Amino acid sequence: MPSQPDLPVVGKVELAYRKWASENPAAMTLIREMSQRVLDRGKKASFWLIVNRVRWEVEFQWTSIDGFKINNNHIALIARQMIEEMPGLAPLIALRPMRGRRAN
């Protein structure tokens, strides 16, 4: 049997986030659009602000495994994904260390 590459240990929150993100592409698109607005403006912003604006403006139902439209536990992971996709956001979005995860 061929050996498998070492895979990073992923916690329950990160697994739940990945599932949620894959099941909610429309939500991720809106988050990307709001992130792009922050990038275009060039002013610092809280990722909580971005996510909460999306929460209040969306008028459709998102699927979720835990009953929330966007789980607060996912916000830090969403922020990291957006910074990975849009590196220019890095100086505009403050990240705090996450328990159980190495610093990026």
PDB file of N, CA and C in Angstrom:
ATOM      1  N   MET A   1       0.847  -1.169   0.000  1.00  0.00           N
ATOM      2  CA  MET A   1       0.000   0.000   0.000  1.00  0.00           C
ATOM      3  C   MET A   1       0.898   1.241   0.000  1.00  0.00           C
ATOM      4  N   PRO A   2       0.646   2.206  -0.917  1.00  0.00           N
ATOM      5  CA  PRO A   2       1.486   3.397  -0.957  1.00  0.00           C
ATOM      6  C   PRO A   2       1.299   4.233   0.306  1.00  0.00           C
ATOM      7  N   SER A   3       2.392   4.868   0.732  1.00  0.00           N
ATOM      8  CA  SER A   3       2.280   5.701   1.930  1.00  0.00           C
ATOM      9  C   SER A   3       1.552   6.994   1.588  1.00  0.00           C
ATOM     10  N   GLN A   4       0.811   7.488   2.561  1.00  0.00           N
ATOM     11  CA  GLN A   4       0.081   8.731   2.373  1.00  0.00           C
ATOM     12  C   GLN A   4       0.908   9.875   2.931  1.00  0.00           C
ATOM     13  N   PRO A   5       0.801  11.061   2.316  1.00  0.00           N
ATOM     14  CA  PRO A   5       1.559  12.198   2.834  1.00  0.00           C
ATOM     15  C   PRO A   5       1.045  12.570   4.219  1.00  0.00           C
ATOM     16  N   ASP A   6       1.920  13.173   5.007  1.00  0.00           N
ATOM     17  CA  ASP A   6       1.495  13.645   6.323  1.00  0.00           C
ATOM     18  C   ASP A   6       0.478  14.756   6.140  1.00  0.00           C
ATOM     19  N   LEU A   7      -0.648  14.612   6.768  1.00  0.00           N
ATOM     20  CA  LEU A   7      -1.696  15.622   6.697  1.00  0.00           C
ATOM     21  C   LEU A   7      -1.729  16.389   8.006  1.00  0.00           C
ATOM     22  N   PRO A   8      -1.982  17.705   7.942  1.00  0.00           N
ATOM     23  CA  PRO A   8      -2.053  18.468   9.183  1.00  0.00           C
ATOM     24  C   PRO A   8      -3.244  18.017  10.025  1.00  0.00           C
ATOM     25  N   VAL A   9      -3.084  18.099  11.309  1.00  0.00           N
ATOM     26  CA  VAL A   9      -4.189  17.778  12.203  1.00  0.00           C
ATOM     27  C   VAL A   9      -5.162  18.942  12.152  1.00  0.00           C
ATOM     28  N   VAL A  10      -6.406  18.645  11.860  1.00  0.00           N
ATOM     29  CA  VAL A  10      -7.422  19.685  11.718  1.00  0.00           C
ATOM     30  C   VAL A  10      -8.469  19.469  12.806  1.00  0.00           C
ATOM     31  N   GLY A  11      -8.752  20.519  13.528  1.00  0.00           N
ATOM     32  CA  GLY A  11      -9.725  20.438  14.610  1.00  0.00           C
ATOM     33  C   GLY A  11     -11.161  20.394  14.112  1.00  0.00           C
ATOM     34  N   LYS A  12     -12.066  20.122  15.046  1.00  0.00           N
ATOM     35  CA  LYS A  12     -13.489  20.037  14.709  1.00  0.00           C
ATOM     36  C   LYS A  12     -14.014  21.338  14.117  1.00  0.00           C
ATOM     37  N   VAL A  13     -13.561  22.471  14.661  1.00  0.00           N
ATOM     38  CA  VAL A  13     -14.045  23.760  14.160  1.00  0.00           C
ATOM     39  C   VAL A  13     -13.619  23.965  12.714  1.00  0.00           C
ATOM     40  N   GLU A  14     -12.366  23.628  12.419  1.00  0.00           N
ATOM     41  CA  GLU A  14     -11.886  23.809  11.054  1.00  0.00           C
ATOM     42  C   GLU A  14     -12.597  22.863  10.084  1.00  0.00           C
ATOM     43  N   LEU A  15     -12.841  21.641  10.508  1.00  0.00           N
ATOM     44  CA  LEU A  15     -13.596  20.707   9.660  1.00  0.00           C
ATOM     45  C   LEU A  15     -15.012  21.216   9.423  1.00  0.00           C
ATOM     46  N   ALA A  16     -15.651  21.715  10.476  1.00  0.00           N
ATOM     47  CA  ALA A  16     -17.007  22.257  10.345  1.00  0.00           C
ATOM     48  C   ALA A  16     -16.999  23.468   9.414  1.00  0.00           C
ATOM     49  N   TYR A  17     -15.976  24.319   9.548  1.00  0.00           N
ATOM     50  CA  TYR A  17     -15.865  25.494   8.672  1.00  0.00           C
ATOM     51  C   TYR A  17     -15.720  25.072   7.215  1.00  0.00           C
ATOM     52  N   ARG A  18     -14.834  24.127   6.950  1.00  0.00           N
ATOM     53  CA  ARG A  18     -14.632  23.682   5.566  1.00  0.00           C
ATOM     54  C   ARG A  18     -15.932  23.152   4.969  1.00  0.00           C
ATOM     55  N   LYS A  19     -16.678  22.397   5.767  1.00  0.00           N
ATOM     56  CA  LYS A  19     -17.959  21.851   5.302  1.00  0.00           C
ATOM     57  C   LYS A  19     -18.929  22.992   5.016  1.00  0.00           C
ATOM     58  N   TRP A  20     -19.033  23.939   5.967  1.00  0.00           N
ATOM     59  CA  TRP A  20     -19.936  25.073   5.803  1.00  0.00           C
ATOM     60  C   TRP A  20     -19.572  25.877   4.557  1.00  0.00           C
ATOM     61  N   ALA A  21     -18.291  26.183   4.378  1.00  0.00           N
ATOM     62  CA  ALA A  21     -17.849  26.986   3.233  1.00  0.00           C
ATOM     63  C   ALA A  21     -18.176  26.288   1.914  1.00  0.00           C
ATOM     64  N   SER A  22     -17.994  24.972   1.871  1.00  0.00           N
ATOM     65  CA  SER A  22     -18.282  24.244   0.626  1.00  0.00           C
ATOM     66  C   SER A  22     -19.783  24.179   0.355  1.00  0.00           C
ATOM     67  N   GLU A  23     -20.598  24.200   1.407  1.00  0.00           N
ATOM     68  CA  GLU A  23     -22.051  24.138   1.248  1.00  0.00           C
ATOM     69  C   GLU A  23     -22.685  25.512   1.038  1.00  0.00           C
ATOM     70  N   ASN A  24     -21.920  26.573   1.240  1.00  0.00           N
ATOM     71  CA  ASN A  24     -22.469  27.924   1.166  1.00  0.00           C
ATOM     72  C   ASN A  24     -21.638  28.829   0.250  1.00  0.00           C
ATOM     73  N   PRO A  25     -21.519  28.465  -1.025  1.00  0.00           N
ATOM     74  CA  PRO A  25     -20.699  29.287  -1.917  1.00  0.00           C
ATOM     75  C   PRO A  25     -21.240  30.710  -2.075  1.00  0.00           C
ATOM     76  N   ALA A  26     -22.536  30.901  -1.991  1.00  0.00           N
ATOM     77  CA  ALA A  26     -23.100  32.255  -2.111  1.00  0.00           C
ATOM     78  C   ALA A  26     -22.653  33.128  -0.943  1.00  0.00           C
ATOM     79  N   ALA A  27     -22.613  32.559   0.234  1.00  0.00           N
ATOM     80  CA  ALA A  27     -22.147  33.310   1.402  1.00  0.00           C
ATOM     81  C   ALA A  27     -20.683  33.677   1.245  1.00  0.00           C
ATOM     82  N   MET A  28     -19.881  32.733   0.766  1.00  0.00           N
ATOM     83  CA  MET A  28     -18.459  33.009   0.585  1.00  0.00           C
ATOM     84  C   MET A  28     -18.254  34.082  -0.490  1.00  0.00           C
ATOM     85  N   THR A  29     -19.082  34.073  -1.516  1.00  0.00           N
ATOM     86  CA  THR A  29     -18.992  35.105  -2.550  1.00  0.00           C
ATOM     87  C   THR A  29     -19.273  36.482  -1.957  1.00  0.00           C
ATOM     88  N   LEU A  30     -20.308  36.581  -1.121  1.00  0.00           N
ATOM     89  CA  LEU A  30     -20.617  37.866  -0.480  1.00  0.00           C
ATOM     90  C   LEU A  30     -19.494  38.315   0.445  1.00  0.00           C
ATOM     91  N   ILE A  31     -18.911  37.385   1.157  1.00  0.00           N
ATOM     92  CA  ILE A  31     -17.794  37.721   2.056  1.00  0.00           C
ATOM     93  C   ILE A  31     -16.602  38.208   1.229  1.00  0.00           C
ATOM     94  N   ARG A  32     -16.346  37.559   0.086  1.00  0.00           N
ATOM     95  CA  ARG A  32     -15.260  38.000  -0.798  1.00  0.00           C
ATOM     96  C   ARG A  32     -15.529  39.421  -1.310  1.00  0.00           C
ATOM     97  N   GLU A  33     -16.788  39.697  -1.688  1.00  0.00           N
ATOM     98  CA  GLU A  33     -17.133  41.029  -2.184  1.00  0.00           C
ATOM     99  C   GLU A  33     -16.917  42.092  -1.103  1.00  0.00           C
ATOM    100  N   MET A  34     -17.342  41.799   0.123  1.00  0.00           N
ATOM    101  CA  MET A  34     -17.142  42.748   1.223  1.00  0.00           C
ATOM    102  C   MET A  34     -15.653  42.905   1.526  1.00  0.00           C
ATOM    103  N   SER A  35     -14.903  41.820   1.452  1.00  0.00           N
ATOM    104  CA  SER A  35     -13.455  41.883   1.675  1.00  0.00           C
ATOM    105  C   SER A  35     -12.796  42.736   0.603  1.00  0.00           C
ATOM    106  N   GLN A  36     -13.260  42.589  -0.624  1.00  0.00           N
ATOM    107  CA  GLN A  36     -12.707  43.391  -1.724  1.00  0.00           C
ATOM    108  C   GLN A  36     -12.977  44.875  -1.496  1.00  0.00           C
ATOM    109  N   ARG A  37     -14.148  45.206  -0.951  1.00  0.00           N
ATOM    110  CA  ARG A  37     -14.458  46.613  -0.645  1.00  0.00           C
ATOM    111  C   ARG A  37     -13.475  47.174   0.371  1.00  0.00           C
ATOM    112  N   VAL A  38     -13.153  46.365   1.384  1.00  0.00           N
ATOM    113  CA  VAL A  38     -12.166  46.796   2.383  1.00  0.00           C
ATOM    114  C   VAL A  38     -10.826  47.020   1.701  1.00  0.00           C
ATOM    115  N   LEU A  39     -10.426  46.094   0.855  1.00  0.00           N
ATOM    116  CA  LEU A  39      -9.156  46.194   0.147  1.00  0.00           C
ATOM    117  C   LEU A  39      -9.132  47.439  -0.740  1.00  0.00           C
ATOM    118  N   ASP A  40     -10.207  47.671  -1.472  1.00  0.00           N
ATOM    119  CA  ASP A  40     -10.287  48.834  -2.357  1.00  0.00           C
ATOM    120  C   ASP A  40     -10.211  50.144  -1.572  1.00  0.00           C
ATOM    121  N   ARG A  41     -10.815  50.151  -0.409  1.00  0.00           N
ATOM    122  CA  ARG A  41     -10.832  51.355   0.432  1.00  0.00           C
ATOM    123  C   ARG A  41      -9.478  51.594   1.097  1.00  0.00           C
ATOM    124  N   GLY A  42      -8.763  50.510   1.413  1.00  0.00           N
ATOM    125  CA  GLY A  42      -7.431  50.630   1.986  1.00  0.00           C
ATOM    126  C   GLY A  42      -7.408  51.052   3.442  1.00  0.00           C
ATOM    127  N   LYS A  43      -8.535  50.898   4.132  1.00  0.00           N
ATOM    128  CA  LYS A  43      -8.584  51.263   5.551  1.00  0.00           C
ATOM    129  C   LYS A  43      -8.790  49.999   6.371  1.00  0.00           C
ATOM    130  N   LYS A  44      -8.223  49.988   7.572  1.00  0.00           N
ATOM    131  CA  LYS A  44      -8.355  48.818   8.444  1.00  0.00           C
ATOM    132  C   LYS A  44      -9.821  48.564   8.777  1.00  0.00           C
ATOM    133  N   ALA A  45     -10.138  47.276   8.917  1.00  0.00           N
ATOM    134  CA  ALA A  45     -11.507  46.882   9.252  1.00  0.00           C
ATOM    135  C   ALA A  45     -11.467  45.599  10.068  1.00  0.00           C
ATOM    136  N   SER A  46     -12.478  45.428  10.855  1.00  0.00           N
ATOM    137  CA  SER A  46     -12.643  44.212  11.632  1.00  0.00           C
ATOM    138  C   SER A  46     -13.337  43.168  10.763  1.00  0.00           C
ATOM    139  N   PHE A  47     -12.863  41.935  10.826  1.00  0.00           N
ATOM    140  CA  PHE A  47     -13.556  40.904  10.066  1.00  0.00           C
ATOM    141  C   PHE A  47     -14.936  40.629  10.657  1.00  0.00           C
ATOM    142  N   TRP A  48     -15.100  40.911  11.930  1.00  0.00           N
ATOM    143  CA  TRP A  48     -16.440  40.807  12.533  1.00  0.00           C
ATOM    144  C   TRP A  48     -17.396  41.771  11.831  1.00  0.00           C
ATOM    145  N   LEU A  49     -16.916  42.962  11.491  1.00  0.00           N
ATOM    146  CA  LEU A  49     -17.742  43.934  10.776  1.00  0.00           C
ATOM    147  C   LEU A  49     -18.165  43.374   9.425  1.00  0.00           C
ATOM    148  N   ILE A  50     -17.221  42.800   8.697  1.00  0.00           N
ATOM    149  CA  ILE A  50     -17.527  42.238   7.384  1.00  0.00           C
ATOM    150  C   ILE A  50     -18.580  41.141   7.502  1.00  0.00           C
ATOM    151  N   VAL A  51     -18.349  40.199   8.392  1.00  0.00           N
ATOM    152  CA  VAL A  51     -19.278  39.070   8.538  1.00  0.00           C
ATOM    153  C   VAL A  51     -20.648  39.542   9.016  1.00  0.00           C
ATOM    154  N   ASN A  52     -20.670  40.456   9.963  1.00  0.00           N
ATOM    155  CA  ASN A  52     -21.972  40.928  10.459  1.00  0.00           C
ATOM    156  C   ASN A  52     -22.725  41.737   9.406  1.00  0.00           C
ATOM    157  N   ARG A  53     -22.010  42.446   8.566  1.00  0.00           N
ATOM    158  CA  ARG A  53     -22.700  43.142   7.467  1.00  0.00           C
ATOM    159  C   ARG A  53     -23.323  42.126   6.517  1.00  0.00           C
ATOM    160  N   VAL A  54     -22.591  41.078   6.210  1.00  0.00           N
ATOM    161  CA  VAL A  54     -23.143  40.018   5.356  1.00  0.00           C
ATOM    162  C   VAL A  54     -24.368  39.402   6.031  1.00  0.00           C
ATOM    163  N   ARG A  55     -24.256  39.128   7.335  1.00  0.00           N
ATOM    164  CA  ARG A  55     -25.389  38.524   8.066  1.00  0.00           C
ATOM    165  C   ARG A  55     -26.654  39.365   7.935  1.00  0.00           C
ATOM    166  N   TRP A  56     -26.519  40.662   8.088  1.00  0.00           N
ATOM    167  CA  TRP A  56     -27.692  41.537   8.087  1.00  0.00           C
ATOM    168  C   TRP A  56     -28.240  41.802   6.694  1.00  0.00           C
ATOM    169  N   GLU A  57     -27.402  41.736   5.682  1.00  0.00           N
ATOM    170  CA  GLU A  57     -27.852  42.073   4.333  1.00  0.00           C
ATOM    171  C   GLU A  57     -28.397  40.893   3.540  1.00  0.00           C
ATOM    172  N   VAL A  58     -28.049  39.719   3.930  1.00  0.00           N
ATOM    173  CA  VAL A  58     -28.465  38.549   3.162  1.00  0.00           C
ATOM    174  C   VAL A  58     -29.928  38.221   3.441  1.00  0.00           C
ATOM    175  N   GLU A  59     -30.662  37.978   2.379  1.00  0.00           N
ATOM    176  CA  GLU A  59     -32.086  37.670   2.528  1.00  0.00           C
ATOM    177  C   GLU A  59     -32.433  36.266   2.045  1.00  0.00           C
ATOM    178  N   PHE A  60     -31.466  35.388   2.030  1.00  0.00           N
ATOM    179  CA  PHE A  60     -31.741  34.002   1.672  1.00  0.00           C
ATOM    180  C   PHE A  60     -31.236  33.092   2.779  1.00  0.00           C
ATOM    181  N   GLN A  61     -31.710  31.880   2.787  1.00  0.00           N
ATOM    182  CA  GLN A  61     -31.361  30.923   3.845  1.00  0.00           C
ATOM    183  C   GLN A  61     -30.122  30.133   3.460  1.00  0.00           C
ATOM    184  N   TRP A  62     -29.146  30.125   4.345  1.00  0.00           N
ATOM    185  CA  TRP A  62     -27.938  29.330   4.119  1.00  0.00           C
ATOM    186  C   TRP A  62     -28.061  28.031   4.880  1.00  0.00           C
ATOM    187  N   THR A  63     -27.527  26.960   4.313  1.00  0.00           N
ATOM    188  CA  THR A  63     -27.491  25.710   5.052  1.00  0.00           C
ATOM    189  C   THR A  63     -26.377  25.787   6.081  1.00  0.00           C
ATOM    190  N   SER A  64     -26.580  25.145   7.198  1.00  0.00           N
ATOM    191  CA  SER A  64     -25.562  25.155   8.243  1.00  0.00           C
ATOM    192  C   SER A  64     -25.742  23.929   9.110  1.00  0.00           C
ATOM    193  N   ILE A  65     -24.625  23.335   9.528  1.00  0.00           N
ATOM    194  CA  ILE A  65     -24.710  22.125  10.333  1.00  0.00           C
ATOM    195  C   ILE A  65     -25.051  22.422  11.782  1.00  0.00           C
ATOM    196  N   ASP A  66     -24.952  23.683  12.199  1.00  0.00           N
ATOM    197  CA  ASP A  66     -25.175  23.973  13.609  1.00  0.00           C
ATOM    198  C   ASP A  66     -26.307  24.971  13.847  1.00  0.00           C
ATOM    199  N   GLY A  67     -27.066  25.298  12.829  1.00  0.00           N
ATOM    200  CA  GLY A  67     -28.211  26.173  13.007  1.00  0.00           C
ATOM    201  C   GLY A  67     -27.932  27.659  12.843  1.00  0.00           C
ATOM    202  N   PHE A  68     -26.679  28.058  12.748  1.00  0.00           N
ATOM    203  CA  PHE A  68     -26.350  29.463  12.550  1.00  0.00           C
ATOM    204  C   PHE A  68     -26.081  29.710  11.074  1.00  0.00           C
ATOM    205  N   LYS A  69     -26.359  30.922  10.619  1.00  0.00           N
ATOM    206  CA  LYS A  69     -26.038  31.249   9.229  1.00  0.00           C
ATOM    207  C   LYS A  69     -24.525  31.307   9.050  1.00  0.00           C
ATOM    208  N   ILE A  70     -23.842  32.040   9.921  1.00  0.00           N
ATOM    209  CA  ILE A  70     -22.378  32.046   9.948  1.00  0.00           C
ATOM    210  C   ILE A  70     -21.988  31.852  11.402  1.00  0.00           C
ATOM    211  N   ASN A  71     -21.359  30.755  11.688  1.00  0.00           N
ATOM    212  CA  ASN A  71     -20.959  30.432  13.048  1.00  0.00           C
ATOM    213  C   ASN A  71     -19.827  31.377  13.471  1.00  0.00           C
ATOM    214  N   ASN A  72     -19.956  31.993  14.648  1.00  0.00           N
ATOM    215  CA  ASN A  72     -18.902  32.879  15.149  1.00  0.00           C
ATOM    216  C   ASN A  72     -17.552  32.176  15.222  1.00  0.00           C
ATOM    217  N   ASN A  73     -17.558  30.877  15.468  1.00  0.00           N
ATOM    218  CA  ASN A  73     -16.306  30.125  15.542  1.00  0.00           C
ATOM    219  C   ASN A  73     -15.594  30.063  14.189  1.00  0.00           C
ATOM    220  N   HIS A  74     -16.297  30.366  13.113  1.00  0.00           N
ATOM    221  CA  HIS A  74     -15.709  30.289  11.780  1.00  0.00           C
ATOM    222  C   HIS A  74     -15.093  31.605  11.327  1.00  0.00           C
ATOM    223  N   ILE A  75     -15.379  32.698  12.006  1.00  0.00           N
ATOM    224  CA  ILE A  75     -14.947  34.013  11.528  1.00  0.00           C
ATOM    225  C   ILE A  75     -13.431  34.101  11.378  1.00  0.00           C
ATOM    226  N   ALA A  76     -12.685  33.606  12.344  1.00  0.00           N
ATOM    227  CA  ALA A  76     -11.220  33.668  12.253  1.00  0.00           C
ATOM    228  C   ALA A  76     -10.712  32.865  11.058  1.00  0.00           C
ATOM    229  N   LEU A  77     -11.361  31.753  10.771  1.00  0.00           N
ATOM    230  CA  LEU A  77     -10.949  30.931   9.629  1.00  0.00           C
ATOM    231  C   LEU A  77     -11.333  31.587   8.307  1.00  0.00           C
ATOM    232  N   ILE A  78     -12.500  32.232   8.279  1.00  0.00           N
ATOM    233  CA  ILE A  78     -12.905  32.966   7.080  1.00  0.00           C
ATOM    234  C   ILE A  78     -11.896  34.084   6.812  1.00  0.00           C
ATOM    235  N   ALA A  79     -11.530  34.818   7.862  1.00  0.00           N
ATOM    236  CA  ALA A  79     -10.565  35.915   7.713  1.00  0.00           C
ATOM    237  C   ALA A  79      -9.250  35.392   7.139  1.00  0.00           C
ATOM    238  N   ARG A  80      -8.762  34.293   7.653  1.00  0.00           N
ATOM    239  CA  ARG A  80      -7.504  33.728   7.170  1.00  0.00           C
ATOM    240  C   ARG A  80      -7.613  33.286   5.708  1.00  0.00           C
ATOM    241  N   GLN A  81      -8.753  32.721   5.351  1.00  0.00           N
ATOM    242  CA  GLN A  81      -8.945  32.307   3.958  1.00  0.00           C
ATOM    243  C   GLN A  81      -8.971  33.526   3.041  1.00  0.00           C
ATOM    244  N   MET A  82      -9.655  34.594   3.460  1.00  0.00           N
ATOM    245  CA  MET A  82      -9.719  35.795   2.627  1.00  0.00           C
ATOM    246  C   MET A  82      -8.336  36.421   2.466  1.00  0.00           C
ATOM    247  N   ILE A  83      -7.539  36.423   3.532  1.00  0.00           N
ATOM    248  CA  ILE A  83      -6.182  36.975   3.442  1.00  0.00           C
ATOM    249  C   ILE A  83      -5.319  36.114   2.526  1.00  0.00           C
ATOM    250  N   GLU A  84      -5.536  34.815   2.569  1.00  0.00           N
ATOM    251  CA  GLU A  84      -4.798  33.918   1.677  1.00  0.00           C
ATOM    252  C   GLU A  84      -5.162  34.196   0.216  1.00  0.00           C
ATOM    253  N   GLU A  85      -6.449  34.421  -0.031  1.00  0.00           N
ATOM    254  CA  GLU A  85      -6.923  34.695  -1.393  1.00  0.00           C
ATOM    255  C   GLU A  85      -6.592  36.117  -1.847  1.00  0.00           C
ATOM    256  N   MET A  86      -6.571  37.064  -0.899  1.00  0.00           N
ATOM    257  CA  MET A  86      -6.328  38.481  -1.204  1.00  0.00           C
ATOM    258  C   MET A  86      -5.223  38.987  -0.283  1.00  0.00           C
ATOM    259  N   PRO A  87      -3.971  38.709  -0.590  1.00  0.00           N
ATOM    260  CA  PRO A  87      -2.871  39.056   0.311  1.00  0.00           C
ATOM    261  C   PRO A  87      -2.824  40.531   0.707  1.00  0.00           C
ATOM    262  N   GLY A  88      -3.361  41.409  -0.117  1.00  0.00           N
ATOM    263  CA  GLY A  88      -3.385  42.827   0.214  1.00  0.00           C
ATOM    264  C   GLY A  88      -4.208  43.147   1.450  1.00  0.00           C
ATOM    265  N   LEU A  89      -5.069  42.218   1.863  1.00  0.00           N
ATOM    266  CA  LEU A  89      -5.874  42.417   3.080  1.00  0.00           C
ATOM    267  C   LEU A  89      -5.045  42.290   4.354  1.00  0.00           C
ATOM    268  N   ALA A  90      -3.923  41.596   4.279  1.00  0.00           N
ATOM    269  CA  ALA A  90      -3.145  41.284   5.485  1.00  0.00           C
ATOM    270  C   ALA A  90      -2.874  42.496   6.372  1.00  0.00           C
ATOM    271  N   PRO A  91      -2.434  43.637   5.830  1.00  0.00           N
ATOM    272  CA  PRO A  91      -2.183  44.770   6.723  1.00  0.00           C
ATOM    273  C   PRO A  91      -3.462  45.467   7.203  1.00  0.00           C
ATOM    274  N   LEU A  92      -4.591  45.125   6.609  1.00  0.00           N
ATOM    275  CA  LEU A  92      -5.844  45.798   6.951  1.00  0.00           C
ATOM    276  C   LEU A  92      -6.697  45.017   7.947  1.00  0.00           C
ATOM    277  N   ILE A  93      -6.409  43.732   8.107  1.00  0.00           N
ATOM    278  CA  ILE A  93      -7.181  42.856   8.994  1.00  0.00           C
ATOM    279  C   ILE A  93      -6.248  42.304  10.059  1.00  0.00           C
ATOM    280  N   ALA A  94      -6.540  42.597  11.302  1.00  0.00           N
ATOM    281  CA  ALA A  94      -5.710  42.080  12.405  1.00  0.00           C
ATOM    282  C   ALA A  94      -6.113  40.641  12.707  1.00  0.00           C
ATOM    283  N   LEU A  95      -5.132  39.771  12.810  1.00  0.00           N
ATOM    284  CA  LEU A  95      -5.379  38.375  13.175  1.00  0.00           C
ATOM    285  C   LEU A  95      -4.781  38.111  14.547  1.00  0.00           C
ATOM    286  N   ARG A  96      -5.505  37.375  15.341  1.00  0.00           N
ATOM    287  CA  ARG A  96      -4.993  36.932  16.636  1.00  0.00           C
ATOM    288  C   ARG A  96      -4.655  35.453  16.519  1.00  0.00           C
ATOM    289  N   PRO A  97      -3.747  34.987  17.364  1.00  0.00           N
ATOM    290  CA  PRO A  97      -3.442  33.551  17.326  1.00  0.00           C
ATOM    291  C   PRO A  97      -4.689  32.716  17.638  1.00  0.00           C
ATOM    292  N   MET A  98      -4.765  31.554  17.028  1.00  0.00           N
ATOM    293  CA  MET A  98      -5.879  30.628  17.276  1.00  0.00           C
ATOM    294  C   MET A  98      -5.340  29.454  18.079  1.00  0.00           C
ATOM    295  N   ARG A  99      -6.099  29.032  19.074  1.00  0.00           N
ATOM    296  CA  ARG A  99      -5.716  27.856  19.852  1.00  0.00           C
ATOM    297  C   ARG A  99      -5.646  26.637  18.937  1.00  0.00           C
ATOM    298  N   GLY A 100      -4.581  25.864  19.103  1.00  0.00           N
ATOM    299  CA  GLY A 100      -4.453  24.624  18.355  1.00  0.00           C
ATOM    300  C   GLY A 100      -4.039  24.807  16.913  1.00  0.00           C
ATOM    301  N   ARG A 101      -3.608  26.004  16.555  1.00  0.00           N
ATOM    302  CA  ARG A 101      -3.204  26.243  15.165  1.00  0.00           C
ATOM    303  C   ARG A 101      -1.940  27.072  15.154  1.00  0.00           C
ATOM    304  N   ARG A 102      -0.994  26.684  14.330  1.00  0.00           N
ATOM    305  CA  ARG A 102       0.245  27.439  14.200  1.00  0.00           C
ATOM    306  C   ARG A 102      -0.027  28.775  13.546  1.00  0.00           C
ATOM    307  N   ALA A 103       0.789  29.765  13.896  1.00  0.00           N
ATOM    308  CA  ALA A 103       0.651  31.087  13.276  1.00  0.00           C
ATOM    309  C   ALA A 103       0.958  30.979  11.798  1.00  0.00           C
ATOM    310  N   ASN A 104       0.244  31.758  10.985  1.00  0.00           N
ATOM    311  CA  ASN A 104       0.478  31.757   9.532  1.00  0.00           C
ATOM    312  C   ASN A 104       1.624  32.651   9.197  1.00  0.00           C
TER     313      ASN A 104
END
